[in-house]
């Protein structure tokens, strides 16, 4: 599994397993940094898959519409990234 993140501070927090500055943010949806740290720090095991934490560029990050207020144009671009389309527009042909 690959976790893709565009925020360098969040990547550092996941690698450490804790962040005092991020612990009260509502927008992280109660994500457990400790659990992510344990998953990305595990040694290879034949019975379990590996979990990787990758840095991605903000313009291709697929989770922004769930955590940020976006302009209409940026929201539509974000929806395109996750293959969400306007149904009415699609059928109005």
N, C-alpha and C. Protein backbone atom coordinates (compact mmCIF):
# COMPACT_ATOMS: atom_id res chain seq x y z
N UNK A 1 0.85 -1.17 0.00
CA UNK A 1 0.00 0.00 0.00
C UNK A 1 0.90 1.23 0.00
N UNK A 2 0.46 2.24 -0.70
CA UNK A 2 1.18 3.51 -0.72
C UNK A 2 0.29 4.61 -0.15
N UNK A 3 0.83 5.30 0.84
CA UNK A 3 0.18 6.49 1.39
C UNK A 3 0.86 7.65 0.70
N UNK A 4 0.07 8.49 0.04
CA UNK A 4 0.63 9.61 -0.69
C UNK A 4 0.27 10.90 0.02
N UNK A 5 1.27 11.68 0.36
CA UNK A 5 1.08 12.90 1.14
C UNK A 5 1.86 14.04 0.50
N UNK A 6 1.25 15.23 0.50
CA UNK A 6 1.93 16.39 -0.08
C UNK A 6 2.50 17.33 0.99
N UNK A 7 2.25 17.06 2.24
CA UNK A 7 2.66 17.94 3.33
C UNK A 7 3.90 17.38 4.02
N UNK A 8 5.01 18.09 3.93
CA UNK A 8 6.28 17.64 4.50
C UNK A 8 6.19 17.49 6.02
N UNK A 9 5.47 18.39 6.69
CA UNK A 9 5.34 18.30 8.15
C UNK A 9 4.59 17.04 8.55
N UNK A 10 3.57 16.68 7.79
CA UNK A 10 2.81 15.46 8.09
C UNK A 10 3.66 14.22 7.87
N UNK A 11 4.49 14.23 6.83
CA UNK A 11 5.39 13.10 6.57
C UNK A 11 6.36 12.94 7.73
N UNK A 12 6.94 14.04 8.19
CA UNK A 12 7.86 13.99 9.32
C UNK A 12 7.16 13.47 10.57
N UNK A 13 5.94 13.94 10.82
CA UNK A 13 5.18 13.48 11.98
C UNK A 13 4.90 11.98 11.91
N UNK A 14 4.56 11.48 10.73
CA UNK A 14 4.29 10.05 10.56
C UNK A 14 5.57 9.24 10.76
N UNK A 15 6.69 9.77 10.29
CA UNK A 15 7.96 9.06 10.48
C UNK A 15 8.37 9.02 11.94
N UNK A 16 8.02 10.06 12.71
CA UNK A 16 8.32 10.09 14.15
C UNK A 16 7.26 9.36 14.97
N UNK A 17 6.02 9.35 14.48
CA UNK A 17 4.93 8.70 15.19
C UNK A 17 4.11 9.62 16.06
N UNK A 18 4.46 10.92 16.09
CA UNK A 18 3.73 11.85 16.95
C UNK A 18 4.04 13.28 16.52
N UNK A 19 3.09 14.17 16.70
CA UNK A 19 3.31 15.59 16.46
C UNK A 19 2.44 16.39 17.42
N UNK A 20 3.06 17.12 18.34
CA UNK A 20 2.25 17.92 19.26
C UNK A 20 1.49 19.04 18.55
N UNK A 21 2.00 19.52 17.43
CA UNK A 21 1.31 20.61 16.72
C UNK A 21 0.13 20.10 15.89
N UNK A 22 0.12 18.84 15.52
CA UNK A 22 -0.97 18.30 14.71
C UNK A 22 -2.03 17.55 15.52
N UNK A 23 -1.80 17.33 16.79
CA UNK A 23 -2.69 16.44 17.54
C UNK A 23 -4.12 16.97 17.72
N UNK A 24 -4.32 18.26 17.64
CA UNK A 24 -5.67 18.79 17.86
C UNK A 24 -6.36 19.25 16.57
N UNK A 25 -5.74 19.05 15.43
CA UNK A 25 -6.36 19.47 14.18
C UNK A 25 -7.54 18.58 13.83
N UNK A 26 -8.68 19.18 13.60
CA UNK A 26 -9.87 18.40 13.24
C UNK A 26 -9.76 17.81 11.85
N UNK A 27 -9.03 18.47 10.95
CA UNK A 27 -9.03 18.02 9.57
C UNK A 27 -8.23 16.75 9.32
N UNK A 28 -7.50 16.24 10.32
CA UNK A 28 -6.78 14.99 10.09
C UNK A 28 -7.67 13.78 10.38
N UNK A 29 -8.94 14.02 10.67
CA UNK A 29 -9.95 12.96 10.80
C UNK A 29 -9.56 11.85 11.77
N UNK A 30 -8.96 12.22 12.88
CA UNK A 30 -8.55 11.27 13.93
C UNK A 30 -7.57 10.21 13.40
N UNK A 31 -6.77 10.59 12.44
CA UNK A 31 -5.75 9.69 11.91
C UNK A 31 -4.73 9.41 12.99
N UNK A 32 -4.37 8.16 13.17
CA UNK A 32 -3.40 7.77 14.18
C UNK A 32 -1.99 7.83 13.59
N UNK A 33 -1.24 8.86 13.98
CA UNK A 33 0.14 8.96 13.50
C UNK A 33 0.98 7.80 14.01
N UNK A 34 0.68 7.33 15.21
CA UNK A 34 1.41 6.19 15.77
C UNK A 34 1.21 4.93 14.94
N UNK A 35 -0.03 4.70 14.51
CA UNK A 35 -0.31 3.53 13.68
C UNK A 35 0.38 3.64 12.32
N UNK A 36 0.30 4.82 11.70
CA UNK A 36 0.97 5.02 10.42
C UNK A 36 2.47 4.80 10.58
N UNK A 37 3.04 5.35 11.64
CA UNK A 37 4.47 5.15 11.92
C UNK A 37 4.81 3.66 12.02
N UNK A 38 4.01 2.92 12.77
CA UNK A 38 4.25 1.48 12.92
C UNK A 38 4.16 0.77 11.58
N UNK A 39 3.20 1.13 10.76
CA UNK A 39 3.01 0.47 9.46
C UNK A 39 4.16 0.75 8.50
N UNK A 40 4.63 2.01 8.45
CA UNK A 40 5.69 2.34 7.50
C UNK A 40 7.07 1.94 8.01
N UNK A 41 7.17 1.61 9.31
CA UNK A 41 8.46 1.25 9.89
C UNK A 41 8.68 -0.26 9.99
N UNK A 42 7.66 -1.05 9.64
CA UNK A 42 7.78 -2.50 9.78
C UNK A 42 8.84 -3.08 8.88
N UNK A 43 9.42 -4.16 9.35
CA UNK A 43 10.36 -4.93 8.53
C UNK A 43 9.55 -5.77 7.54
N UNK A 44 10.14 -6.07 6.38
CA UNK A 44 9.42 -6.91 5.41
C UNK A 44 9.02 -8.25 6.01
N UNK A 45 7.79 -8.67 5.70
CA UNK A 45 7.25 -9.91 6.22
C UNK A 45 6.53 -10.61 5.08
N UNK A 46 6.78 -11.88 4.91
CA UNK A 46 6.19 -12.62 3.79
C UNK A 46 4.67 -12.69 3.88
N UNK A 47 4.10 -12.62 5.07
CA UNK A 47 2.66 -12.76 5.24
C UNK A 47 1.90 -11.44 5.13
N UNK A 48 2.60 -10.33 5.26
CA UNK A 48 1.94 -9.02 5.25
C UNK A 48 2.55 -8.14 4.17
N UNK A 49 1.74 -7.32 3.55
CA UNK A 49 2.25 -6.39 2.56
C UNK A 49 2.95 -5.22 3.24
N UNK A 50 3.74 -4.52 2.48
CA UNK A 50 4.44 -3.36 3.00
C UNK A 50 3.62 -2.11 2.79
N UNK A 51 3.85 -1.12 3.64
CA UNK A 51 3.18 0.17 3.53
C UNK A 51 4.27 1.22 3.32
N UNK A 52 4.11 2.02 2.27
CA UNK A 52 5.08 3.06 1.96
C UNK A 52 4.43 4.42 2.12
N UNK A 53 5.22 5.39 2.54
CA UNK A 53 4.76 6.77 2.65
C UNK A 53 5.54 7.58 1.61
N UNK A 54 4.84 8.08 0.61
CA UNK A 54 5.48 8.80 -0.49
C UNK A 54 5.09 10.26 -0.48
N UNK A 55 6.05 11.12 -0.82
CA UNK A 55 5.80 12.55 -1.00
C UNK A 55 5.33 12.75 -2.43
N UNK A 56 4.19 13.42 -2.60
CA UNK A 56 3.68 13.74 -3.94
C UNK A 56 3.52 15.25 -4.06
N UNK A 57 3.48 15.70 -5.27
CA UNK A 57 3.27 17.13 -5.52
C UNK A 57 1.82 17.50 -5.20
N UNK A 58 1.62 18.71 -4.72
CA UNK A 58 0.29 19.17 -4.32
C UNK A 58 -0.70 19.11 -5.48
N UNK A 59 -0.25 19.42 -6.69
CA UNK A 59 -1.20 19.48 -7.81
C UNK A 59 -1.71 18.12 -8.25
N UNK A 60 -1.11 17.02 -7.78
CA UNK A 60 -1.65 15.69 -8.10
C UNK A 60 -2.14 14.95 -6.86
N UNK A 61 -2.16 15.64 -5.71
CA UNK A 61 -2.62 15.03 -4.46
C UNK A 61 -4.13 14.86 -4.52
N UNK A 62 -4.62 13.67 -4.29
CA UNK A 62 -6.04 13.36 -4.48
C UNK A 62 -6.92 13.61 -3.26
N UNK A 63 -6.36 13.98 -2.14
CA UNK A 63 -7.17 14.13 -0.94
C UNK A 63 -7.54 15.54 -0.56
N UNK A 64 -7.10 16.53 -1.33
CA UNK A 64 -7.31 17.91 -0.93
C UNK A 64 -8.77 18.30 -0.78
N UNK A 65 -9.66 17.78 -1.62
CA UNK A 65 -11.07 18.17 -1.52
C UNK A 65 -11.71 17.68 -0.23
N UNK A 66 -11.05 16.75 0.46
CA UNK A 66 -11.59 16.24 1.73
C UNK A 66 -11.05 17.00 2.94
N UNK A 67 -9.96 17.77 2.76
CA UNK A 67 -9.33 18.41 3.90
C UNK A 67 -9.15 19.91 3.79
N UNK A 68 -9.40 20.48 2.61
CA UNK A 68 -9.15 21.91 2.42
C UNK A 68 -10.34 22.58 1.77
N UNK A 69 -10.45 23.89 2.02
CA UNK A 69 -11.43 24.69 1.28
C UNK A 69 -10.77 25.06 -0.04
N UNK A 70 -11.40 24.68 -1.14
CA UNK A 70 -10.84 24.92 -2.46
C UNK A 70 -11.70 25.89 -3.24
N UNK A 71 -11.07 26.59 -4.16
CA UNK A 71 -11.85 27.40 -5.09
C UNK A 71 -12.64 26.43 -5.98
N UNK A 72 -13.62 26.94 -6.68
CA UNK A 72 -14.43 26.08 -7.56
C UNK A 72 -13.53 25.40 -8.59
N UNK A 73 -12.64 26.15 -9.20
CA UNK A 73 -11.76 25.58 -10.23
C UNK A 73 -10.87 24.48 -9.64
N UNK A 74 -10.29 24.72 -8.47
CA UNK A 74 -9.44 23.72 -7.82
C UNK A 74 -10.24 22.51 -7.38
N UNK A 75 -11.48 22.74 -6.94
CA UNK A 75 -12.34 21.62 -6.55
C UNK A 75 -12.65 20.73 -7.75
N UNK A 76 -12.99 21.34 -8.87
CA UNK A 76 -13.29 20.56 -10.07
C UNK A 76 -12.06 19.78 -10.54
N UNK A 77 -10.88 20.38 -10.44
CA UNK A 77 -9.65 19.66 -10.79
C UNK A 77 -9.45 18.49 -9.84
N UNK A 78 -9.66 18.72 -8.54
CA UNK A 78 -9.51 17.64 -7.55
C UNK A 78 -10.50 16.51 -7.80
N UNK A 79 -11.71 16.85 -8.18
CA UNK A 79 -12.71 15.82 -8.48
C UNK A 79 -12.31 15.02 -9.72
N UNK A 80 -11.73 15.69 -10.70
CA UNK A 80 -11.22 14.97 -11.89
C UNK A 80 -10.14 13.97 -11.50
N UNK A 81 -9.28 14.33 -10.53
CA UNK A 81 -8.21 13.43 -10.10
C UNK A 81 -8.74 12.12 -9.53
N UNK A 82 -9.92 12.17 -8.89
CA UNK A 82 -10.48 10.93 -8.33
C UNK A 82 -11.59 10.36 -9.22
N UNK A 83 -11.62 10.85 -10.45
CA UNK A 83 -12.54 10.34 -11.48
C UNK A 83 -14.01 10.57 -11.16
N UNK A 84 -14.31 11.65 -10.46
CA UNK A 84 -15.69 12.03 -10.18
C UNK A 84 -16.12 13.02 -11.25
N UNK A 85 -17.28 12.79 -11.82
CA UNK A 85 -17.78 13.64 -12.90
C UNK A 85 -19.17 14.15 -12.55
N UNK A 86 -19.54 15.25 -13.14
CA UNK A 86 -20.88 15.81 -12.99
C UNK A 86 -21.82 14.95 -13.81
N UNK A 87 -22.73 14.23 -13.16
CA UNK A 87 -23.63 13.29 -13.83
C UNK A 87 -24.53 14.01 -14.82
N UNK A 88 -25.10 15.12 -14.45
CA UNK A 88 -26.00 15.84 -15.34
C UNK A 88 -25.26 16.29 -16.60
N UNK A 89 -24.05 16.76 -16.44
CA UNK A 89 -23.26 17.20 -17.57
C UNK A 89 -22.94 16.01 -18.49
N UNK A 90 -22.66 14.87 -17.90
CA UNK A 90 -22.31 13.67 -18.68
C UNK A 90 -23.47 13.19 -19.53
N UNK A 91 -24.69 13.28 -19.02
CA UNK A 91 -25.86 12.76 -19.74
C UNK A 91 -26.52 13.82 -20.64
N UNK A 92 -26.06 15.03 -20.56
CA UNK A 92 -26.68 16.09 -21.35
C UNK A 92 -26.05 16.15 -22.75
N UNK A 93 -26.02 15.08 -23.44
CA UNK A 93 -25.32 15.06 -24.70
C UNK A 93 -26.18 15.14 -25.83
